[in-house]
N, C-alpha and C. Protein backbone atom coordinates (compact mmCIF):
# COMPACT_ATOMS: atom_id res chain seq x y z
N MET A 1 -160.46 8.41 -91.19
CA MET A 1 -160.21 7.03 -90.87
C MET A 1 -161.18 6.55 -89.81
N GLY A 2 -161.53 7.44 -88.89
CA GLY A 2 -162.47 7.07 -87.84
C GLY A 2 -163.84 6.74 -88.38
N ILE A 3 -164.28 7.48 -89.39
CA ILE A 3 -165.58 7.21 -89.99
C ILE A 3 -165.56 5.84 -90.67
N GLY A 4 -164.46 5.50 -91.31
CA GLY A 4 -164.34 4.19 -91.95
C GLY A 4 -164.43 3.06 -90.95
N ILE A 5 -163.77 3.21 -89.82
CA ILE A 5 -163.82 2.19 -88.79
C ILE A 5 -165.22 2.09 -88.22
N LEU A 6 -165.88 3.24 -88.02
CA LEU A 6 -167.25 3.23 -87.52
C LEU A 6 -168.18 2.53 -88.50
N LEU A 7 -168.03 2.80 -89.79
CA LEU A 7 -168.86 2.14 -90.79
C LEU A 7 -168.63 0.63 -90.81
N ALA A 8 -167.38 0.24 -90.69
CA ALA A 8 -167.06 -1.19 -90.72
C ALA A 8 -167.62 -1.91 -89.51
N ARG A 9 -167.69 -1.24 -88.38
CA ARG A 9 -168.15 -1.88 -87.14
C ARG A 9 -169.59 -1.51 -86.78
N LEU A 10 -170.29 -0.82 -87.65
CA LEU A 10 -171.64 -0.36 -87.36
C LEU A 10 -172.59 -1.52 -87.12
N ARG A 11 -172.40 -2.61 -87.81
CA ARG A 11 -173.30 -3.75 -87.63
C ARG A 11 -173.19 -4.36 -86.23
N TYR A 12 -172.04 -4.16 -85.57
CA TYR A 12 -171.90 -4.67 -84.21
C TYR A 12 -172.48 -3.70 -83.18
N LEU A 13 -172.46 -2.39 -83.52
CA LEU A 13 -172.99 -1.40 -82.60
C LEU A 13 -174.52 -1.39 -82.61
N ILE A 14 -175.11 -1.53 -83.81
CA ILE A 14 -176.57 -1.51 -83.95
C ILE A 14 -176.97 -2.74 -84.77
N PRO A 15 -177.01 -3.92 -84.16
CA PRO A 15 -177.21 -5.13 -84.95
C PRO A 15 -178.62 -5.29 -85.52
N ASN A 16 -179.65 -4.80 -84.86
CA ASN A 16 -181.02 -5.04 -85.30
C ASN A 16 -181.66 -3.85 -86.00
N LEU A 17 -180.89 -2.86 -86.36
CA LEU A 17 -181.46 -1.67 -86.99
C LEU A 17 -181.94 -1.96 -88.40
N SER A 18 -181.14 -2.61 -89.19
CA SER A 18 -181.55 -2.97 -90.55
C SER A 18 -180.80 -4.22 -90.98
N PRO A 19 -181.37 -4.96 -91.91
CA PRO A 19 -180.68 -6.17 -92.35
C PRO A 19 -179.40 -5.88 -93.12
N GLY A 20 -179.36 -4.76 -93.83
CA GLY A 20 -178.15 -4.35 -94.54
C GLY A 20 -177.85 -5.22 -95.75
N THR A 21 -176.81 -4.87 -96.44
CA THR A 21 -176.42 -5.60 -97.64
C THR A 21 -175.19 -6.47 -97.41
N GLY A 22 -174.54 -6.30 -96.29
CA GLY A 22 -173.34 -7.07 -96.01
C GLY A 22 -172.08 -6.45 -96.55
N HIS A 23 -172.18 -5.24 -97.09
CA HIS A 23 -171.01 -4.58 -97.68
C HIS A 23 -170.49 -3.43 -96.81
N SER A 24 -170.94 -3.33 -95.58
CA SER A 24 -170.49 -2.22 -94.74
C SER A 24 -169.00 -2.32 -94.43
N TRP A 25 -168.48 -3.53 -94.33
CA TRP A 25 -167.05 -3.68 -94.06
C TRP A 25 -166.22 -3.16 -95.23
N LEU A 26 -166.72 -3.35 -96.46
CA LEU A 26 -166.00 -2.86 -97.63
C LEU A 26 -166.04 -1.34 -97.71
N LEU A 27 -167.20 -0.78 -97.41
CA LEU A 27 -167.33 0.68 -97.40
C LEU A 27 -166.47 1.29 -96.30
N GLY A 28 -166.45 0.66 -95.13
CA GLY A 28 -165.60 1.14 -94.05
C GLY A 28 -164.13 1.03 -94.37
N LEU A 29 -163.74 -0.06 -95.01
CA LEU A 29 -162.34 -0.24 -95.40
C LEU A 29 -161.93 0.79 -96.44
N ALA A 30 -162.80 1.05 -97.40
CA ALA A 30 -162.50 2.05 -98.43
C ALA A 30 -162.37 3.44 -97.82
N THR A 31 -163.25 3.79 -96.89
CA THR A 31 -163.19 5.10 -96.25
C THR A 31 -161.93 5.22 -95.38
N SER A 32 -161.57 4.16 -94.69
CA SER A 32 -160.34 4.17 -93.89
C SER A 32 -159.11 4.32 -94.79
N PHE A 33 -159.09 3.62 -95.91
CA PHE A 33 -157.99 3.73 -96.86
C PHE A 33 -157.90 5.15 -97.42
N LEU A 34 -159.04 5.75 -97.71
CA LEU A 34 -159.07 7.13 -98.21
C LEU A 34 -158.50 8.10 -97.17
N GLY A 35 -158.86 7.90 -95.91
CA GLY A 35 -158.31 8.73 -94.84
C GLY A 35 -156.81 8.55 -94.69
N LEU A 36 -156.34 7.31 -94.79
CA LEU A 36 -154.91 7.04 -94.69
C LEU A 36 -154.16 7.68 -95.84
N MET A 37 -154.70 7.60 -97.05
CA MET A 37 -154.06 8.22 -98.21
C MET A 37 -154.04 9.75 -98.07
N THR A 38 -155.07 10.32 -97.50
CA THR A 38 -155.11 11.77 -97.27
C THR A 38 -153.98 12.18 -96.33
N ILE A 39 -153.76 11.41 -95.29
CA ILE A 39 -152.69 11.71 -94.33
C ILE A 39 -151.32 11.60 -95.01
N ILE A 40 -151.12 10.56 -95.80
CA ILE A 40 -149.83 10.37 -96.47
C ILE A 40 -149.56 11.49 -97.47
N VAL A 41 -150.55 11.83 -98.29
CA VAL A 41 -150.36 12.89 -99.28
C VAL A 41 -150.14 14.24 -98.61
N SER A 42 -150.88 14.51 -97.55
CA SER A 42 -150.72 15.79 -96.84
C SER A 42 -149.35 15.90 -96.20
N THR A 43 -148.86 14.82 -95.61
CA THR A 43 -147.53 14.83 -95.00
C THR A 43 -146.44 15.04 -96.05
N HIS A 44 -146.58 14.36 -97.17
CA HIS A 44 -145.60 14.54 -98.25
C HIS A 44 -145.61 15.98 -98.76
N ASN A 45 -146.79 16.54 -98.96
CA ASN A 45 -146.87 17.93 -99.43
C ASN A 45 -146.31 18.91 -98.41
N TYR A 46 -146.52 18.64 -97.14
CA TYR A 46 -146.00 19.52 -96.10
C TYR A 46 -144.48 19.58 -96.16
N PHE A 47 -143.82 18.41 -96.19
CA PHE A 47 -142.36 18.40 -96.19
C PHE A 47 -141.79 18.93 -97.51
N SER A 48 -142.48 18.67 -98.61
CA SER A 48 -142.04 19.22 -99.89
C SER A 48 -142.13 20.74 -99.89
N ASP A 49 -143.23 21.28 -99.38
CA ASP A 49 -143.38 22.73 -99.30
C ASP A 49 -142.38 23.35 -98.33
N GLN A 50 -142.10 22.65 -97.23
CA GLN A 50 -141.13 23.16 -96.26
C GLN A 50 -139.74 23.27 -96.89
N GLN A 51 -139.34 22.26 -97.67
CA GLN A 51 -138.04 22.33 -98.34
C GLN A 51 -138.01 23.45 -99.38
N SER A 52 -139.11 23.64 -100.10
CA SER A 52 -139.16 24.71 -101.09
C SER A 52 -139.08 26.08 -100.44
N ILE A 53 -139.71 26.23 -99.30
CA ILE A 53 -139.65 27.52 -98.59
C ILE A 53 -138.24 27.77 -98.08
N ASP A 54 -137.59 26.74 -97.58
CA ASP A 54 -136.21 26.89 -97.09
C ASP A 54 -135.25 27.26 -98.23
N LYS A 55 -135.50 26.76 -99.42
CA LYS A 55 -134.65 27.07 -100.58
C LYS A 55 -135.08 28.36 -101.28
N ILE A 56 -136.11 29.00 -100.79
CA ILE A 56 -136.68 30.22 -101.36
C ILE A 56 -137.07 29.99 -102.84
N SER A 57 -137.68 28.85 -103.09
CA SER A 57 -138.15 28.55 -104.45
C SER A 57 -139.59 28.03 -104.41
N TYR A 58 -140.36 28.49 -103.44
CA TYR A 58 -141.72 27.98 -103.26
C TYR A 58 -142.67 28.55 -104.31
N THR A 59 -143.39 27.68 -104.97
CA THR A 59 -144.50 28.07 -105.85
C THR A 59 -145.67 27.15 -105.50
N PRO A 60 -146.83 27.71 -105.21
CA PRO A 60 -147.97 26.87 -104.82
C PRO A 60 -148.43 25.98 -105.98
N VAL A 61 -148.80 24.77 -105.64
CA VAL A 61 -149.28 23.81 -106.62
C VAL A 61 -150.79 23.69 -106.46
N THR A 62 -151.53 24.31 -107.36
CA THR A 62 -152.99 24.32 -107.22
C THR A 62 -153.66 23.15 -107.93
N LYS A 63 -153.04 22.61 -108.96
CA LYS A 63 -153.72 21.55 -109.71
C LYS A 63 -153.91 20.28 -108.88
N TRP A 64 -152.91 19.91 -108.07
CA TRP A 64 -153.07 18.71 -107.25
C TRP A 64 -154.06 18.93 -106.12
N ILE A 65 -154.07 20.13 -105.57
CA ILE A 65 -155.03 20.43 -104.50
C ILE A 65 -156.45 20.37 -105.04
N LEU A 66 -156.67 20.95 -106.21
CA LEU A 66 -158.00 20.90 -106.82
C LEU A 66 -158.39 19.48 -107.21
N PHE A 67 -157.46 18.71 -107.75
CA PHE A 67 -157.74 17.33 -108.12
C PHE A 67 -158.09 16.49 -106.90
N PHE A 68 -157.29 16.57 -105.85
CA PHE A 68 -157.51 15.76 -104.66
C PHE A 68 -158.80 16.18 -103.95
N SER A 69 -159.06 17.48 -103.88
CA SER A 69 -160.29 17.96 -103.25
C SER A 69 -161.51 17.52 -104.05
N SER A 70 -161.42 17.57 -105.36
CA SER A 70 -162.53 17.12 -106.21
C SER A 70 -162.77 15.62 -106.04
N PHE A 71 -161.69 14.86 -105.95
CA PHE A 71 -161.80 13.42 -105.74
C PHE A 71 -162.49 13.12 -104.41
N LEU A 72 -162.08 13.80 -103.35
CA LEU A 72 -162.71 13.59 -102.05
C LEU A 72 -164.17 14.02 -102.05
N LEU A 73 -164.47 15.10 -102.75
CA LEU A 73 -165.85 15.56 -102.87
C LEU A 73 -166.69 14.52 -103.60
N LEU A 74 -166.17 13.93 -104.64
CA LEU A 74 -166.89 12.91 -105.39
C LEU A 74 -167.13 11.66 -104.54
N ILE A 75 -166.11 11.22 -103.84
CA ILE A 75 -166.26 10.04 -102.97
C ILE A 75 -167.26 10.32 -101.84
N GLY A 76 -167.15 11.48 -101.23
CA GLY A 76 -168.08 11.84 -100.15
C GLY A 76 -169.51 11.96 -100.64
N SER A 77 -169.69 12.54 -101.82
CA SER A 77 -171.04 12.66 -102.39
C SER A 77 -171.62 11.28 -102.69
N GLY A 78 -170.79 10.40 -103.21
CA GLY A 78 -171.25 9.03 -103.47
C GLY A 78 -171.63 8.31 -102.20
N LEU A 79 -170.87 8.52 -101.14
CA LEU A 79 -171.18 7.91 -99.85
C LEU A 79 -172.50 8.43 -99.30
N ILE A 80 -172.70 9.74 -99.37
CA ILE A 80 -173.95 10.33 -98.89
C ILE A 80 -175.13 9.85 -99.73
N TYR A 81 -174.95 9.78 -101.05
CA TYR A 81 -176.01 9.30 -101.93
C TYR A 81 -176.37 7.85 -101.59
N THR A 82 -175.36 7.01 -101.37
CA THR A 82 -175.60 5.62 -101.03
C THR A 82 -176.37 5.50 -99.73
N ILE A 83 -176.02 6.31 -98.74
CA ILE A 83 -176.72 6.26 -97.46
C ILE A 83 -178.16 6.73 -97.61
N LEU A 84 -178.39 7.74 -98.44
CA LEU A 84 -179.73 8.28 -98.61
C LEU A 84 -180.66 7.35 -99.39
N ILE A 85 -180.14 6.53 -100.29
CA ILE A 85 -181.02 5.66 -101.07
C ILE A 85 -181.28 4.31 -100.40
N LEU A 86 -180.61 4.04 -99.29
CA LEU A 86 -180.88 2.79 -98.59
C LEU A 86 -182.30 2.79 -98.07
N PRO A 87 -182.97 1.66 -98.11
CA PRO A 87 -184.36 1.63 -97.63
C PRO A 87 -184.42 1.87 -96.13
N VAL A 88 -185.45 2.60 -95.72
CA VAL A 88 -185.67 2.90 -94.30
C VAL A 88 -186.72 1.94 -93.77
N LEU A 89 -186.42 1.28 -92.70
CA LEU A 89 -187.38 0.36 -92.08
C LEU A 89 -188.42 1.15 -91.30
N PRO A 90 -189.69 0.70 -91.34
CA PRO A 90 -190.74 1.43 -90.60
C PRO A 90 -190.62 1.30 -89.11
């Protein structure tokens, strides 16, 4: 979430670095939303696993972990790719 806020406010921190596309607020908002969703899903999984352990019926769920990790990897790779293809000012 912190990275999303930093991206959204980057134009105020370094105003003359590059002209930009004007979409940094959207990228920052999306990254903040992704961080918030990660916290919500992790908290839900924690309490669900805690109840399963207390009932002695715990079985690890690997498909959701792999899906969510793959999704985050894809989003992060897209973010890095976007940053790398932006034009660099001389």
